[in-house]
Protein backbone atom coordinates (compact mmCIF):
# COMPACT_ATOMS: atom_id res chain seq x y z
CA MET A 1 121.70 86.15 108.82
CA ILE A 2 118.82 84.70 107.33
CA GLY A 3 119.39 81.01 106.70
CA THR A 4 122.46 81.06 108.88
CA GLY A 5 121.27 79.10 111.82
CA GLN A 6 120.77 82.02 113.95
CA PRO A 7 117.45 82.22 116.19
CA ASN A 8 115.18 84.44 115.30
CA ARG A 9 115.16 86.62 118.36
CA LEU A 10 118.70 88.04 117.11
CA LEU A 11 117.12 88.49 113.57
CA HIS A 12 114.16 90.36 115.46
CA GLN A 13 116.55 92.61 117.12
CA ALA A 14 118.71 93.33 114.03
CA PHE A 15 115.90 94.34 112.38
CA ARG A 16 114.40 96.19 115.08
CA GLN A 17 117.22 98.78 114.25
CA PHE A 18 115.61 99.71 111.33
CA GLN A 19 112.07 100.31 112.52
CA TYR A 20 110.63 96.82 110.54
CA PRO A 21 108.01 95.37 113.44
CA THR A 22 108.95 92.00 111.86
CA VAL A 23 111.48 90.35 110.35
CA PRO A 24 111.11 90.52 106.76
CA LEU A 25 111.38 86.97 105.94
CA THR A 26 108.72 85.08 103.90
CA VAL A 27 108.64 81.36 103.07
CA TYR A 28 106.64 79.54 100.31
CA PRO A 29 105.39 76.04 100.90
CA GLU A 30 108.13 74.06 97.85
CA LYS A 31 104.12 72.82 96.45
CA VAL A 32 103.27 77.13 95.72
CA ILE A 33 106.81 77.70 94.15
CA THR A 34 106.98 73.95 91.87
CA GLY A 35 103.37 75.24 91.02
CA HIS A 36 104.17 78.47 90.04
CA ARG A 37 106.87 77.31 87.90
CA ALA A 38 104.79 74.50 86.24
CA PHE A 39 102.14 77.36 85.20
CA LEU A 40 104.85 79.22 83.73
CA ALA A 41 105.99 76.27 81.63
CA ARG A 42 102.17 75.84 80.68
CA ARG A 43 102.22 79.58 79.36
CA ARG A 44 105.36 79.60 77.69
CA GLN A 45 104.51 75.83 75.68
CA LEU A 46 101.23 77.84 74.47
CA ARG A 47 102.87 80.79 72.85
CA PRO A 48 104.20 80.52 69.50
CA ALA A 49 108.14 80.09 69.91
CA GLU A 50 108.87 83.32 67.40
CA GLU A 51 107.87 85.58 70.02
CA TYR A 52 110.70 84.29 72.32
CA ARG A 53 113.21 85.08 69.34
CA THR A 54 115.86 88.04 69.28
CA PRO A 55 114.22 91.16 67.31
CA THR A 56 115.13 92.20 64.34
CA ASP A 57 117.40 95.49 64.53
CA THR A 58 114.43 97.28 62.49
CA GLU A 59 111.64 95.83 64.97
CA TRP A 60 113.76 97.35 67.92
CA GLU A 61 113.75 100.55 66.61
CA GLU A 62 110.37 100.39 65.54
CA PHE A 63 109.85 99.69 69.21
CA LEU A 64 111.91 102.52 70.61
CA GLY A 65 110.09 105.35 68.26
CA HIS A 66 107.47 104.34 69.94
CA PHE A 67 108.17 105.99 73.06
CA GLU A 68 109.80 109.12 70.69
CA ARG A 69 106.22 109.34 69.12
CA ARG A 70 104.40 109.42 72.84
CA LYS A 71 105.84 113.12 73.47
CA VAL A 72 103.40 115.40 72.70
CA ALA A 73 102.97 119.27 73.13
CA LEU A 74 101.53 118.80 76.82
CA GLY A 75 103.33 116.01 77.93
CA ASP A 76 103.61 112.15 77.26
CA CYS A 77 101.05 110.03 75.68
CA GLY A 78 100.50 106.92 77.65
CA ARG A 79 99.02 104.71 74.63
CA ALA A 80 100.30 101.43 75.03
CA TYR A 81 103.05 100.48 72.40
CA GLY A 82 101.30 99.22 68.58
CA THR A 83 98.16 100.97 69.17
CA GLY A 84 96.96 104.17 67.59
CA CYS A 85 95.24 107.64 68.96
CA VAL A 86 91.44 107.10 68.86
CA HIS A 87 91.04 110.87 69.80
CA GLU A 88 92.99 111.90 66.26
CA MET A 89 95.08 114.28 68.41
CA ALA A 90 92.75 116.06 70.71
CA CYS A 91 95.27 115.23 73.19
CA GLU A 92 93.64 117.22 76.05
CA ARG A 93 90.36 115.09 76.16
CA CYS A 94 92.57 112.28 76.17
CA SER A 95 92.86 110.32 79.47
CA LEU A 96 95.97 108.69 78.91
CA LEU A 97 97.71 112.20 78.64
CA ARG A 98 100.12 112.96 81.49
CA ILE A 99 100.74 116.35 81.44
CA ASP A 100 104.21 117.85 81.76
CA PRO A 101 104.20 120.34 84.68
CA ALA A 102 106.53 122.72 82.62
CA GLN A 103 103.46 122.92 79.89
CA ARG A 104 101.22 124.37 82.49
CA PRO A 105 101.00 127.66 80.98
CA ARG A 106 100.29 126.40 78.01
CA LEU A 107 97.51 124.59 79.51
CA ILE A 108 95.97 127.68 80.87
CA LEU A 109 95.78 129.34 77.40
CA ILE A 110 93.88 126.44 76.07
CA ARG A 111 91.32 126.39 79.12
CA ASP A 112 90.64 130.14 78.32
CA SER A 113 90.38 129.48 74.73
CA LEU A 114 87.94 127.28 74.86
CA ALA A 115 86.03 129.29 77.22
CA ALA A 116 86.29 132.14 74.82
CA ARG A 117 84.75 129.25 72.20
CA VAL A 118 82.01 128.27 74.61
CA THR A 119 80.98 131.99 74.73
CA GLU A 120 81.00 132.91 71.05
CA ALA A 121 79.33 129.14 70.37
CA THR A 122 76.48 129.74 73.08
CA ALA A 123 76.45 133.25 71.20
CA GLN A 124 75.85 132.28 67.90
CA GLY A 125 73.93 129.30 68.49
CA TRP A 126 76.39 126.58 67.71
CA LEU A 127 74.70 123.87 69.66
CA GLY A 128 76.42 120.64 68.22
CA GLU A 129 79.74 122.71 68.69
CA LEU A 130 78.82 123.85 72.03
CA GLU A 131 78.37 120.41 73.61
CA GLY A 132 82.15 119.32 72.55
CA LEU A 133 83.74 122.36 73.85
CA ARG A 134 81.95 122.10 77.29
CA VAL A 135 83.45 118.47 76.91
CA SER A 136 87.04 119.81 76.13
CA LEU A 137 87.03 122.77 78.59
CA ALA A 138 85.65 120.57 81.59
CA THR A 139 88.29 117.53 80.64
CA VAL A 140 91.14 120.89 80.41
CA THR A 141 89.94 122.26 84.09
CA GLU A 142 90.20 118.64 85.46
CA LYS A 143 93.75 117.85 84.01
CA LEU A 144 94.50 121.61 85.44
CA GLN A 145 93.38 120.84 88.59
CA SER A 146 95.23 117.29 88.63
CA LEU A 147 98.33 118.84 87.87
CA ASP A 148 98.15 121.34 90.58
CA THR A 149 97.82 118.44 93.13
CA ARG A 150 100.46 116.75 91.89
CA ILE A 151 103.08 119.51 91.84
CA ALA A 152 101.95 120.39 95.36
CA ARG A 153 102.53 116.63 96.66
CA GLN A 154 106.00 116.54 95.18
CA PRO A 155 108.69 117.22 97.73
CA ALA A 156 110.52 120.21 97.70
CA VAL A 157 114.09 119.66 96.34
CA THR A 158 116.35 120.55 99.05
CA ASP A 159 120.16 121.09 98.07
CA LEU A 160 122.72 119.66 100.79
CA GLY A 161 125.55 121.00 99.31
CA MET A 162 129.07 119.87 98.85
CA PRO A 163 130.46 118.56 102.65
CA ALA A 164 133.41 120.78 103.61
CA PHE A 165 136.61 118.86 105.36
CA THR A 166 137.95 121.13 107.90
CA PRO A 167 141.72 121.20 108.22
CA SER A 168 141.76 120.00 111.80
CA ALA A 169 139.71 116.91 110.60
CA SER A 170 142.40 115.84 107.25
CA ALA A 171 145.09 116.73 109.68
CA SER A 172 144.08 114.27 112.49
CA ASP A 173 143.71 111.89 109.62
CA ALA A 174 147.31 112.00 108.79
CA GLN A 175 148.51 111.54 112.10
CA PRO A 176 149.53 107.71 112.69
CA ASP A 177 147.84 105.84 115.75
CA SER A 178 150.14 105.34 118.61
CA LYS A 179 149.30 101.54 118.34
CA ASP A 180 150.58 101.43 114.88
CA GLU A 181 154.10 103.04 115.31
CA ALA A 182 157.00 101.17 115.54
CA PRO A 183 158.92 100.46 119.28
């Protein structure tokens, strides 16, 4: 309907049934579109041409392998492609770790172990280790709370089942319409 010459009020009535407050129509001035295209052309000229080539099979496998290597025991690491882990695999302290909800029991075990280690370090007077353990314990506790919040926000899955067709419904579909019968 857009661009067909229909009056705007008809469009508004058509989209009102979908509860749009206004017609979802955006028109940009030609100057904006040409300016953006010129910006993209300038950026492409500044970038080396070899960046636009098709990657080799080895490069593609390395890229795909990055995503496989992001999977860790507690979930997925959100590191950018080609970057190393700055935490030396201390994933529970990393802000880029996305905890898998299925790993919640493992995270609870880690939290309990850290709490026991904080108690031991306090009793033994290991002040240097105590600070690091407290940071790890606070981070794990925060991640656990964040995971619980995320799980609570997820909508419950409702099984709607398969639709069942009654015999009368399928029989009425098989009956020819009286208008279609030959005279």
